[in-house]
Amino acid sequence: HHYSHVGAGISPMLEPFTMIDKSGSLLDVGCGFGYVVDYWLKIKKEDACGLEVATYGKMGKKILEIPIFHDYLGECPPVDSRSFDIVYSSEVIEHIVEPLDFCQKLSARCAADGVLILTAPAAEAILEDIPESDKIAALSPYFHYYLPSKKGLEHLLRSAGLKHISI
């Protein structure tokens, strides 16, 4: 309940969309409660759906009455059988054991002229002058598996087949 009332941070979720000039269908991978999907459907009046395996995805689907699938990317036929104008995954990749496989699956869901938006904690969060509490949060042992640098993320995305990258 904390997450759905105050912890979600809806404005930061939508901020990356201000950096692109793109609309159309949206896939939100790791959509949480589904606030971005809800915004896309009800405010932008565009097609959208989400993937979320955590319980709050089921809650958001019911309360917001939006299409959230309780499946992983690559294991959800209604999502895996189509492409989207925008594929969005915020604060998910750091939890993925195989980030290249994940990025390839994200890329495969992008339309030919589609946009992939990823957000993640940066490796720079663990530099020497950063407070210890912030370092521990960024590293999150046994919870975060991948903490990319800008160069590392660019390499990962290129390896996944993406050509036009802005970090």
N, C-alpha and C. Protein backbone atom coordinates (compact mmCIF):
# COMPACT_ATOMS: atom_id res chain seq x y z
N HIS A 1 0.81 -1.20 0.00
CA HIS A 1 0.00 0.00 0.00
C HIS A 1 0.86 1.27 0.00
N HIS A 2 1.99 1.24 0.70
CA HIS A 2 2.88 2.40 0.68
C HIS A 2 3.28 2.74 -0.76
N TYR A 3 3.67 1.74 -1.52
CA TYR A 3 4.09 1.97 -2.90
C TYR A 3 2.99 2.64 -3.71
N SER A 4 1.77 2.13 -3.60
CA SER A 4 0.69 2.65 -4.43
C SER A 4 0.21 4.02 -4.00
N HIS A 5 0.48 4.42 -2.76
CA HIS A 5 0.03 5.73 -2.29
C HIS A 5 1.10 6.82 -2.37
N VAL A 6 2.34 6.48 -2.02
CA VAL A 6 3.36 7.54 -2.00
C VAL A 6 4.71 7.11 -2.56
N GLY A 7 4.99 5.84 -2.59
CA GLY A 7 6.33 5.39 -2.96
C GLY A 7 6.59 5.31 -4.45
N ALA A 8 5.56 5.39 -5.26
CA ALA A 8 5.72 5.14 -6.69
C ALA A 8 6.52 6.22 -7.40
N GLY A 9 6.33 7.47 -7.08
CA GLY A 9 7.05 8.54 -7.76
C GLY A 9 6.63 8.69 -9.22
N ILE A 10 5.39 9.06 -9.45
CA ILE A 10 4.83 9.08 -10.80
C ILE A 10 5.56 10.08 -11.70
N SER A 11 5.88 11.26 -11.22
CA SER A 11 6.56 12.26 -12.06
C SER A 11 7.89 11.74 -12.60
N PRO A 12 8.76 11.13 -11.77
CA PRO A 12 10.00 10.59 -12.32
C PRO A 12 9.76 9.46 -13.34
N MET A 13 8.67 8.72 -13.17
CA MET A 13 8.36 7.67 -14.14
C MET A 13 8.08 8.25 -15.52
N LEU A 14 7.43 9.40 -15.56
CA LEU A 14 7.04 10.01 -16.82
C LEU A 14 8.12 10.90 -17.42
N GLU A 15 9.09 11.32 -16.63
CA GLU A 15 10.13 12.24 -17.09
C GLU A 15 10.86 11.77 -18.35
N PRO A 16 11.25 10.49 -18.47
CA PRO A 16 11.96 10.08 -19.69
C PRO A 16 11.17 10.31 -20.98
N PHE A 17 9.86 10.32 -20.89
CA PHE A 17 9.04 10.53 -22.09
C PHE A 17 9.14 11.96 -22.60
N THR A 18 9.55 12.90 -21.73
CA THR A 18 9.70 14.29 -22.16
C THR A 18 10.95 14.45 -23.04
N MET A 19 11.81 13.45 -23.05
CA MET A 19 13.06 13.53 -23.80
C MET A 19 12.95 12.96 -25.21
N ILE A 20 11.80 12.43 -25.55
CA ILE A 20 11.61 11.85 -26.89
C ILE A 20 10.42 12.50 -27.56
N ASP A 21 10.44 12.48 -28.86
CA ASP A 21 9.31 12.99 -29.65
C ASP A 21 8.65 11.78 -30.31
N LYS A 22 7.91 11.04 -29.50
CA LYS A 22 7.33 9.79 -29.98
C LYS A 22 6.06 9.51 -29.21
N SER A 23 5.07 8.99 -29.91
CA SER A 23 3.87 8.50 -29.25
C SER A 23 3.49 7.19 -29.94
N GLY A 24 2.33 6.68 -29.61
CA GLY A 24 1.90 5.40 -30.17
C GLY A 24 1.79 4.37 -29.07
N SER A 25 1.85 3.11 -29.46
CA SER A 25 1.66 2.02 -28.50
C SER A 25 2.84 1.93 -27.53
N LEU A 26 2.53 1.52 -26.31
CA LEU A 26 3.53 1.46 -25.23
C LEU A 26 3.49 0.10 -24.56
N LEU A 27 4.67 -0.45 -24.34
CA LEU A 27 4.84 -1.62 -23.48
C LEU A 27 5.71 -1.19 -22.31
N ASP A 28 5.21 -1.37 -21.09
CA ASP A 28 5.96 -1.04 -19.88
C ASP A 28 6.36 -2.36 -19.21
N VAL A 29 7.64 -2.69 -19.30
CA VAL A 29 8.15 -3.95 -18.75
C VAL A 29 8.63 -3.70 -17.33
N GLY A 30 7.99 -4.38 -16.38
CA GLY A 30 8.25 -4.12 -14.96
C GLY A 30 7.45 -2.91 -14.53
N CYS A 31 6.19 -2.89 -14.90
CA CYS A 31 5.35 -1.68 -14.77
C CYS A 31 4.91 -1.36 -13.36
N GLY A 32 5.22 -2.22 -12.39
CA GLY A 32 4.79 -1.93 -11.03
C GLY A 32 3.28 -1.93 -10.93
N PHE A 33 2.74 -0.93 -10.30
CA PHE A 33 1.30 -0.80 -10.11
C PHE A 33 0.59 -0.45 -11.41
N GLY A 34 1.33 0.07 -12.39
CA GLY A 34 0.76 0.36 -13.70
C GLY A 34 0.45 1.82 -13.95
N TYR A 35 1.06 2.72 -13.20
CA TYR A 35 0.75 4.13 -13.36
C TYR A 35 1.08 4.67 -14.75
N VAL A 36 2.20 4.25 -15.32
CA VAL A 36 2.56 4.74 -16.67
C VAL A 36 1.58 4.19 -17.70
N VAL A 37 1.22 2.92 -17.57
CA VAL A 37 0.23 2.33 -18.48
C VAL A 37 -1.09 3.08 -18.35
N ASP A 38 -1.53 3.34 -17.14
CA ASP A 38 -2.77 4.06 -16.89
C ASP A 38 -2.72 5.46 -17.51
N TYR A 39 -1.62 6.16 -17.30
CA TYR A 39 -1.45 7.49 -17.88
C TYR A 39 -1.54 7.42 -19.41
N TRP A 40 -0.84 6.46 -20.00
CA TRP A 40 -0.79 6.33 -21.46
C TRP A 40 -2.18 6.07 -22.04
N LEU A 41 -2.93 5.21 -21.38
CA LEU A 41 -4.28 4.87 -21.85
C LEU A 41 -5.28 6.01 -21.65
N LYS A 42 -5.25 6.62 -20.48
CA LYS A 42 -6.31 7.55 -20.12
C LYS A 42 -6.01 9.01 -20.41
N ILE A 43 -4.76 9.40 -20.39
CA ILE A 43 -4.40 10.79 -20.66
C ILE A 43 -3.95 10.96 -22.11
N LYS A 44 -3.05 10.11 -22.55
CA LYS A 44 -2.55 10.20 -23.93
C LYS A 44 -3.50 9.57 -24.93
N LYS A 45 -4.40 8.71 -24.45
CA LYS A 45 -5.38 8.02 -25.30
C LYS A 45 -4.69 7.16 -26.36
N GLU A 46 -3.62 6.49 -25.95
CA GLU A 46 -2.86 5.59 -26.83
C GLU A 46 -2.91 4.18 -26.26
N ASP A 47 -2.64 3.20 -27.09
CA ASP A 47 -2.60 1.79 -26.70
C ASP A 47 -1.44 1.54 -25.74
N ALA A 48 -1.67 0.76 -24.69
CA ALA A 48 -0.61 0.46 -23.73
C ALA A 48 -0.93 -0.80 -22.95
N CYS A 49 0.13 -1.49 -22.53
CA CYS A 49 -0.02 -2.61 -21.60
C CYS A 49 1.28 -2.75 -20.82
N GLY A 50 1.22 -3.52 -19.76
CA GLY A 50 2.39 -3.70 -18.91
C GLY A 50 2.63 -5.15 -18.56
N LEU A 51 3.85 -5.40 -18.14
CA LEU A 51 4.25 -6.70 -17.60
C LEU A 51 4.75 -6.45 -16.18
N GLU A 52 4.24 -7.22 -15.23
CA GLU A 52 4.69 -7.10 -13.84
C GLU A 52 4.43 -8.41 -13.12
N VAL A 53 5.48 -9.01 -12.58
CA VAL A 53 5.33 -10.28 -11.87
C VAL A 53 5.07 -10.10 -10.38
N ALA A 54 5.32 -8.92 -9.85
CA ALA A 54 5.06 -8.67 -8.42
C ALA A 54 3.57 -8.52 -8.17
N THR A 55 3.17 -8.73 -6.93
CA THR A 55 1.76 -8.68 -6.54
C THR A 55 1.13 -7.33 -6.83
N TYR A 56 1.88 -6.23 -6.69
CA TYR A 56 1.24 -4.93 -6.93
C TYR A 56 0.86 -4.75 -8.39
N GLY A 57 1.40 -5.55 -9.30
CA GLY A 57 0.92 -5.53 -10.68
C GLY A 57 -0.50 -6.05 -10.78
N LYS A 58 -0.78 -7.09 -10.02
CA LYS A 58 -2.16 -7.64 -9.98
C LYS A 58 -3.11 -6.62 -9.35
N MET A 59 -2.63 -5.95 -8.31
CA MET A 59 -3.45 -4.93 -7.65
C MET A 59 -3.76 -3.79 -8.62
N GLY A 60 -2.72 -3.29 -9.31
CA GLY A 60 -2.92 -2.19 -10.24
C GLY A 60 -3.86 -2.56 -11.37
N LYS A 61 -3.72 -3.77 -11.89
CA LYS A 61 -4.60 -4.24 -12.96
C LYS A 61 -6.07 -4.16 -12.52
N LYS A 62 -6.32 -4.62 -11.30
CA LYS A 62 -7.69 -4.65 -10.78
C LYS A 62 -8.21 -3.25 -10.45
N ILE A 63 -7.42 -2.48 -9.72
CA ILE A 63 -7.88 -1.17 -9.26
C ILE A 63 -7.96 -0.16 -10.40
N LEU A 64 -6.93 -0.13 -11.26
CA LEU A 64 -6.91 0.84 -12.36
C LEU A 64 -7.65 0.34 -13.60
N GLU A 65 -7.98 -0.95 -13.60
CA GLU A 65 -8.67 -1.58 -14.74
C GLU A 65 -7.88 -1.37 -16.03
N ILE A 66 -6.63 -1.83 -16.01
CA ILE A 66 -5.73 -1.70 -17.15
C ILE A 66 -5.09 -3.05 -17.48
N PRO A 67 -4.59 -3.22 -18.71
CA PRO A 67 -3.99 -4.49 -19.10
C PRO A 67 -2.56 -4.65 -18.57
N ILE A 68 -2.43 -5.40 -17.50
CA ILE A 68 -1.13 -5.78 -16.95
C ILE A 68 -1.09 -7.30 -16.94
N PHE A 69 -0.06 -7.84 -17.55
CA PHE A 69 0.12 -9.28 -17.59
C PHE A 69 1.10 -9.69 -16.50
N HIS A 70 0.76 -10.73 -15.78
CA HIS A 70 1.59 -11.24 -14.68
C HIS A 70 2.54 -12.30 -15.26
N ASP A 71 3.41 -11.85 -16.16
CA ASP A 71 4.34 -12.73 -16.86
C ASP A 71 5.66 -12.01 -17.08
N TYR A 72 6.67 -12.80 -17.42
CA TYR A 72 7.97 -12.25 -17.80
C TYR A 72 7.99 -11.99 -19.31
N LEU A 73 8.79 -11.04 -19.71
CA LEU A 73 9.02 -10.78 -21.12
C LEU A 73 9.60 -12.04 -21.75
N GLY A 74 9.03 -12.46 -22.85
CA GLY A 74 9.46 -13.70 -23.49
C GLY A 74 8.60 -14.89 -23.09
N GLU A 75 7.69 -14.66 -22.15
CA GLU A 75 6.81 -15.74 -21.68
C GLU A 75 5.34 -15.30 -21.68
N CYS A 76 5.02 -14.29 -22.48
CA CYS A 76 3.67 -13.72 -22.50
C CYS A 76 3.21 -13.58 -23.95
N PRO A 77 2.52 -14.58 -24.50
CA PRO A 77 2.13 -14.54 -25.91
C PRO A 77 1.43 -13.26 -26.38
N PRO A 78 0.50 -12.66 -25.60
CA PRO A 78 -0.14 -11.45 -26.10
C PRO A 78 0.84 -10.28 -26.31
N VAL A 79 1.93 -10.28 -25.57
CA VAL A 79 2.94 -9.23 -25.69
C VAL A 79 4.02 -9.66 -26.68
N ASP A 80 4.47 -10.89 -26.56
CA ASP A 80 5.59 -11.37 -27.36
C ASP A 80 5.25 -11.53 -28.84
N SER A 81 3.97 -11.49 -29.17
CA SER A 81 3.56 -11.67 -30.56
C SER A 81 3.39 -10.36 -31.32
N ARG A 82 3.77 -9.26 -30.71
CA ARG A 82 3.59 -7.96 -31.37
C ARG A 82 4.75 -7.02 -31.10
N SER A 83 4.72 -5.87 -31.77
CA SER A 83 5.73 -4.85 -31.53
C SER A 83 5.04 -3.58 -31.03
N PHE A 84 5.84 -2.69 -30.44
CA PHE A 84 5.33 -1.47 -29.83
C PHE A 84 6.15 -0.28 -30.30
N ASP A 85 5.50 0.88 -30.34
CA ASP A 85 6.21 2.11 -30.73
C ASP A 85 7.21 2.53 -29.65
N ILE A 86 6.85 2.29 -28.39
CA ILE A 86 7.73 2.62 -27.27
C ILE A 86 7.76 1.42 -26.32
N VAL A 87 8.96 0.98 -26.01
CA VAL A 87 9.16 -0.05 -24.99
C VAL A 87 9.90 0.64 -23.85
N TYR A 88 9.32 0.56 -22.68
CA TYR A 88 9.81 1.28 -21.50
C TYR A 88 10.07 0.28 -20.39
N SER A 89 11.23 0.40 -19.77
CA SER A 89 11.56 -0.45 -18.63
C SER A 89 12.38 0.38 -17.65
N SER A 90 11.76 0.73 -16.55
CA SER A 90 12.39 1.63 -15.59
C SER A 90 12.76 0.90 -14.31
N GLU A 91 14.06 0.97 -13.97
CA GLU A 91 14.57 0.38 -12.74
C GLU A 91 14.28 -1.12 -12.67
N VAL A 92 14.52 -1.80 -13.80
CA VAL A 92 14.32 -3.25 -13.89
C VAL A 92 15.62 -3.96 -14.22
N ILE A 93 16.37 -3.45 -15.19
CA ILE A 93 17.53 -4.16 -15.71
C ILE A 93 18.55 -4.53 -14.62
N GLU A 94 18.65 -3.73 -13.58
CA GLU A 94 19.61 -4.03 -12.51
C GLU A 94 19.24 -5.30 -11.74
N HIS A 95 18.00 -5.76 -11.88
CA HIS A 95 17.54 -6.97 -11.20
C HIS A 95 17.66 -8.22 -12.07
N ILE A 96 18.15 -8.05 -13.28
CA ILE A 96 18.18 -9.13 -14.27
C ILE A 96 19.55 -9.81 -14.27
N VAL A 97 19.55 -11.12 -14.14
CA VAL A 97 20.80 -11.89 -14.12
C VAL A 97 21.47 -11.89 -15.49
N GLU A 98 20.68 -11.92 -16.57
CA GLU A 98 21.20 -11.95 -17.94
C GLU A 98 20.76 -10.67 -18.67
N PRO A 99 21.43 -9.54 -18.45
CA PRO A 99 20.97 -8.28 -19.05
C PRO A 99 21.01 -8.26 -20.58
N LEU A 100 21.95 -8.97 -21.21
CA LEU A 100 21.98 -8.99 -22.68
C LEU A 100 20.73 -9.67 -23.23
N ASP A 101 20.37 -10.80 -22.67
CA ASP A 101 19.15 -11.50 -23.10
C ASP A 101 17.93 -10.61 -22.90
N PHE A 102 17.87 -9.93 -21.78
CA PHE A 102 16.76 -9.03 -21.49
C PHE A 102 16.69 -7.90 -22.53
N CYS A 103 17.83 -7.29 -22.84
CA CYS A 103 17.85 -6.20 -23.82
C CYS A 103 17.48 -6.69 -25.21
N GLN A 104 17.88 -7.90 -25.55
CA GLN A 104 17.50 -8.47 -26.85
C GLN A 104 15.99 -8.66 -26.92
N LYS A 105 15.39 -9.10 -25.83
CA LYS A 105 13.93 -9.27 -25.78
C LYS A 105 13.23 -7.92 -25.86
N LEU A 106 13.76 -6.92 -25.18
CA LEU A 106 13.18 -5.57 -25.26
C LEU A 106 13.27 -5.05 -26.69
N SER A 107 14.43 -5.18 -27.30
CA SER A 107 14.65 -4.72 -28.67
C SER A 107 13.70 -5.42 -29.64
N ALA A 108 13.47 -6.70 -29.44
CA ALA A 108 12.58 -7.47 -30.31
C ALA A 108 11.14 -6.98 -30.24
N ARG A 109 10.76 -6.34 -29.15
CA ARG A 109 9.39 -5.83 -29.01
C ARG A 109 9.23 -4.43 -29.62
N CYS A 110 10.34 -3.77 -29.96
CA CYS A 110 10.29 -2.43 -30.56
C CYS A 110 9.89 -2.52 -32.04
N ALA A 111 8.99 -1.64 -32.44
CA ALA A 111 8.65 -1.51 -33.85
C ALA A 111 9.91 -1.06 -34.61
N ALA A 112 9.89 -1.19 -35.94
CA ALA A 112 11.06 -0.84 -36.75
C ALA A 112 11.55 0.58 -36.46
N ASP A 113 10.65 1.51 -36.22
CA ASP A 113 11.02 2.89 -35.90
C ASP A 113 10.74 3.20 -34.43
N GLY A 114 10.71 2.14 -33.62
CA GLY A 114 10.37 2.28 -32.21
C GLY A 114 11.50 2.82 -31.36
N VAL A 115 11.14 3.13 -30.12
CA VAL A 115 12.08 3.69 -29.15
C VAL A 115 12.08 2.80 -27.92
N LEU A 116 13.26 2.50 -27.42
CA LEU A 116 13.41 1.79 -26.16
C LEU A 116 13.91 2.78 -25.12
N ILE A 117 13.21 2.85 -23.99
CA ILE A 117 13.62 3.71 -22.88
C ILE A 117 13.95 2.82 -21.69
N LEU A 118 15.19 2.91 -21.21
CA LEU A 118 15.63 2.18 -20.02
C LEU A 118 16.11 3.18 -18.97
N THR A 119 15.77 2.93 -17.73
CA THR A 119 16.39 3.67 -16.64
C THR A 119 16.98 2.65 -15.68
N ALA A 120 18.08 3.01 -15.05
CA ALA A 120 18.76 2.12 -14.11
C ALA A 120 19.67 2.93 -13.21
N PRO A 121 19.98 2.41 -12.03
CA PRO A 121 21.01 3.06 -11.22
C PRO A 121 22.33 3.01 -11.99
N ALA A 122 23.13 4.02 -11.87
CA ALA A 122 24.39 4.09 -12.61
C ALA A 122 25.55 3.64 -11.74
N ALA A 123 26.55 3.07 -12.39
CA ALA A 123 27.76 2.65 -11.68
C ALA A 123 28.40 3.82 -10.94
N GLU A 124 28.19 5.02 -11.44
CA GLU A 124 28.74 6.21 -10.80
C GLU A 124 28.18 6.42 -9.39
N ALA A 125 27.12 5.72 -9.05
CA ALA A 125 26.52 5.84 -7.71
C ALA A 125 27.40 5.22 -6.62
N ILE A 126 28.45 4.53 -7.02
CA ILE A 126 29.32 3.90 -6.02
C ILE A 126 30.73 4.50 -6.00
N LEU A 127 30.85 5.70 -6.52
CA LEU A 127 32.15 6.38 -6.49
C LEU A 127 32.52 6.74 -5.05
N GLU A 128 33.78 7.02 -4.85
CA GLU A 128 34.34 7.24 -3.52
C GLU A 128 33.64 8.33 -2.72
N ASP A 129 33.25 9.43 -3.36
CA ASP A 129 32.68 10.55 -2.62
C ASP A 129 31.17 10.44 -2.39
N ILE A 130 30.59 9.33 -2.74
CA ILE A 130 29.15 9.10 -2.54
C ILE A 130 28.93 8.56 -1.13
N PRO A 131 27.89 9.02 -0.42
CA PRO A 131 27.62 8.51 0.94
C PRO A 131 27.45 6.98 0.94
N GLU A 132 27.92 6.35 2.01
CA GLU A 132 27.86 4.89 2.12
C GLU A 132 26.44 4.35 1.94
N SER A 133 25.45 5.03 2.52
CA SER A 133 24.07 4.55 2.41
C SER A 133 23.60 4.52 0.95
N ASP A 134 24.03 5.50 0.15
CA ASP A 134 23.67 5.52 -1.27
C ASP A 134 24.38 4.39 -2.02
N LYS A 135 25.63 4.13 -1.64
CA LYS A 135 26.37 3.03 -2.28
C LYS A 135 25.69 1.69 -2.01
N ILE A 136 25.30 1.47 -0.77
CA ILE A 136 24.66 0.21 -0.41
C ILE A 136 23.33 0.07 -1.15
N ALA A 137 22.57 1.16 -1.23
CA ALA A 137 21.29 1.12 -1.96
C ALA A 137 21.51 0.79 -3.42
N ALA A 138 22.54 1.39 -4.04
CA ALA A 138 22.81 1.13 -5.46
C ALA A 138 23.27 -0.30 -5.68
N LEU A 139 24.12 -0.79 -4.79
CA LEU A 139 24.63 -2.16 -4.94
C LEU A 139 23.56 -3.20 -4.58
N SER A 140 22.78 -2.93 -3.55
CA SER A 140 21.73 -3.84 -3.09
C SER A 140 22.11 -5.30 -3.28
N PRO A 141 23.07 -5.78 -2.49
CA PRO A 141 23.52 -7.17 -2.63
C PRO A 141 22.36 -8.17 -2.65
N TYR A 142 22.44 -9.12 -3.56
CA TYR A 142 21.43 -10.17 -3.77
C TYR A 142 20.11 -9.63 -4.31
N PHE A 143 20.08 -8.38 -4.68
CA PHE A 143 18.87 -7.76 -5.25
C PHE A 143 19.20 -7.12 -6.59
N HIS A 144 20.37 -6.49 -6.68
CA HIS A 144 20.85 -5.91 -7.93
C HIS A 144 21.98 -6.79 -8.48
N TYR A 145 21.86 -7.13 -9.75
CA TYR A 145 22.86 -7.98 -10.40
C TYR A 145 23.69 -7.23 -11.43
N TYR A 146 23.21 -6.08 -11.87
CA TYR A 146 23.85 -5.35 -12.95
C TYR A 146 23.79 -3.86 -12.64
N LEU A 147 24.92 -3.23 -12.58
CA LEU A 147 25.01 -1.80 -12.29
C LEU A 147 25.86 -1.18 -13.39
N PRO A 148 25.22 -0.68 -14.45
CA PRO A 148 25.97 -0.27 -15.64
C PRO A 148 26.62 1.11 -15.53
N SER A 149 27.79 1.19 -16.14
CA SER A 149 28.38 2.50 -16.42
C SER A 149 27.79 2.95 -17.75
N LYS A 150 27.99 4.20 -18.12
CA LYS A 150 27.50 4.67 -19.42
C LYS A 150 28.11 3.87 -20.55
N LYS A 151 29.42 3.65 -20.47
CA LYS A 151 30.12 2.89 -21.51
C LYS A 151 29.62 1.44 -21.54
N GLY A 152 29.44 0.84 -20.38
CA GLY A 152 28.97 -0.54 -20.30
C GLY A 152 27.55 -0.69 -20.83
N LEU A 153 26.69 0.27 -20.51
CA LEU A 153 25.31 0.22 -21.00
C LEU A 153 25.27 0.39 -22.51
N GLU A 154 26.07 1.31 -23.03
CA GLU A 154 26.12 1.48 -24.49
C GLU A 154 26.58 0.20 -25.17
N HIS A 155 27.62 -0.43 -24.64
CA HIS A 155 28.11 -1.69 -25.20
C HIS A 155 27.01 -2.77 -25.16
N LEU A 156 26.32 -2.87 -24.03
CA LEU A 156 25.24 -3.84 -23.88
C LEU A 156 24.15 -3.62 -24.93
N LEU A 157 23.72 -2.38 -25.09
CA LEU A 157 22.64 -2.07 -26.03
C LEU A 157 23.07 -2.32 -27.47
N ARG A 158 24.30 -1.99 -27.81
CA ARG A 158 24.82 -2.29 -29.16
C ARG A 158 24.88 -3.79 -29.38
N SER A 159 25.31 -4.54 -28.37
CA SER A 159 25.37 -5.99 -28.46
C SER A 159 23.99 -6.60 -28.64
N ALA A 160 22.96 -5.92 -28.13
CA ALA A 160 21.57 -6.37 -28.26
C ALA A 160 20.97 -6.01 -29.61
N GLY A 161 21.76 -5.32 -30.46
CA GLY A 161 21.29 -4.99 -31.79
C GLY A 161 20.75 -3.60 -31.98
N LEU A 162 20.80 -2.77 -30.96
CA LEU A 162 20.30 -1.40 -31.08
C LEU A 162 21.40 -0.54 -31.70
N LYS A 163 21.00 0.36 -32.59
CA LYS A 163 21.98 1.15 -33.33
C LYS A 163 22.05 2.61 -32.92
N HIS A 164 20.94 3.22 -32.65
CA HIS A 164 20.88 4.65 -32.31
C HIS A 164 20.66 4.77 -30.81
N ILE A 165 21.72 5.11 -30.10
CA ILE A 165 21.69 5.09 -28.63
C ILE A 165 22.03 6.45 -28.07
N SER A 166 21.23 6.89 -27.11
CA SER A 166 21.50 8.13 -26.39
C SER A 166 21.41 7.81 -24.90
N ILE A 167 22.50 8.10 -24.18
CA ILE A 167 22.50 7.79 -22.74
C ILE A 167 22.66 9.09 -21.97
